[in-house]
């Protein structure tokens, strides 16, 4: 079971920044979309 923990750590180390960037992008897109919808036309 030790290799599972090592694999999980390696997986998080490599993919963590990618998921973090994806979350930041999605949050930014949602906030900008809400701002555009709230803006008077």
Protein backbone atom coordinates (compact mmCIF):
# COMPACT_ATOMS: atom_id res chain seq x y z
CA UNK A 1 0.00 0.00 0.00
CA UNK A 2 2.99 2.28 0.32
CA UNK A 3 3.29 2.67 -3.45
CA UNK A 4 -0.29 3.98 -3.60
CA UNK A 5 0.62 6.89 -1.33
CA UNK A 6 3.71 7.62 -3.41
CA UNK A 7 1.68 7.49 -6.61
CA UNK A 8 -0.96 9.81 -5.17
CA UNK A 9 1.69 12.31 -4.11
CA UNK A 10 3.36 12.17 -7.51
CA UNK A 11 -0.01 12.58 -9.23
CA UNK A 12 -0.91 15.62 -7.13
CA UNK A 13 2.54 17.11 -7.67
CA UNK A 14 2.25 16.86 -11.45
CA UNK A 15 -1.45 17.59 -12.00
CA UNK A 16 -2.10 19.92 -9.08
CA UNK A 17 -0.99 23.08 -10.93
CA UNK A 18 -3.08 22.10 -13.95
CA UNK A 19 -6.22 21.66 -11.88
CA UNK A 20 -5.45 24.86 -9.99
CA UNK A 21 -5.14 26.79 -13.25
CA UNK A 22 -8.38 25.24 -14.51
CA UNK A 23 -10.25 26.26 -11.35
CA UNK A 24 -8.89 29.81 -11.57
CA UNK A 25 -9.91 30.01 -15.24
CA UNK A 26 -13.43 28.72 -14.56
CA UNK A 27 -13.93 31.08 -11.62
CA UNK A 28 -12.74 34.01 -13.72
CA UNK A 29 -15.04 33.04 -16.58
CA UNK A 30 -18.05 32.75 -14.26
CA UNK A 31 -17.34 36.07 -12.59
CA UNK A 32 -16.88 37.86 -15.91
CA UNK A 33 -20.06 36.31 -17.31
CA UNK A 34 -22.03 37.42 -14.25
CA UNK A 35 -20.57 40.92 -14.56
CA UNK A 36 -21.57 41.10 -18.23
CA UNK A 37 -25.09 39.92 -17.45
CA UNK A 38 -25.41 42.45 -14.61
CA UNK A 39 -24.17 45.33 -16.77
CA UNK A 40 -26.89 47.57 -18.14
CA UNK A 41 -27.39 47.15 -21.86
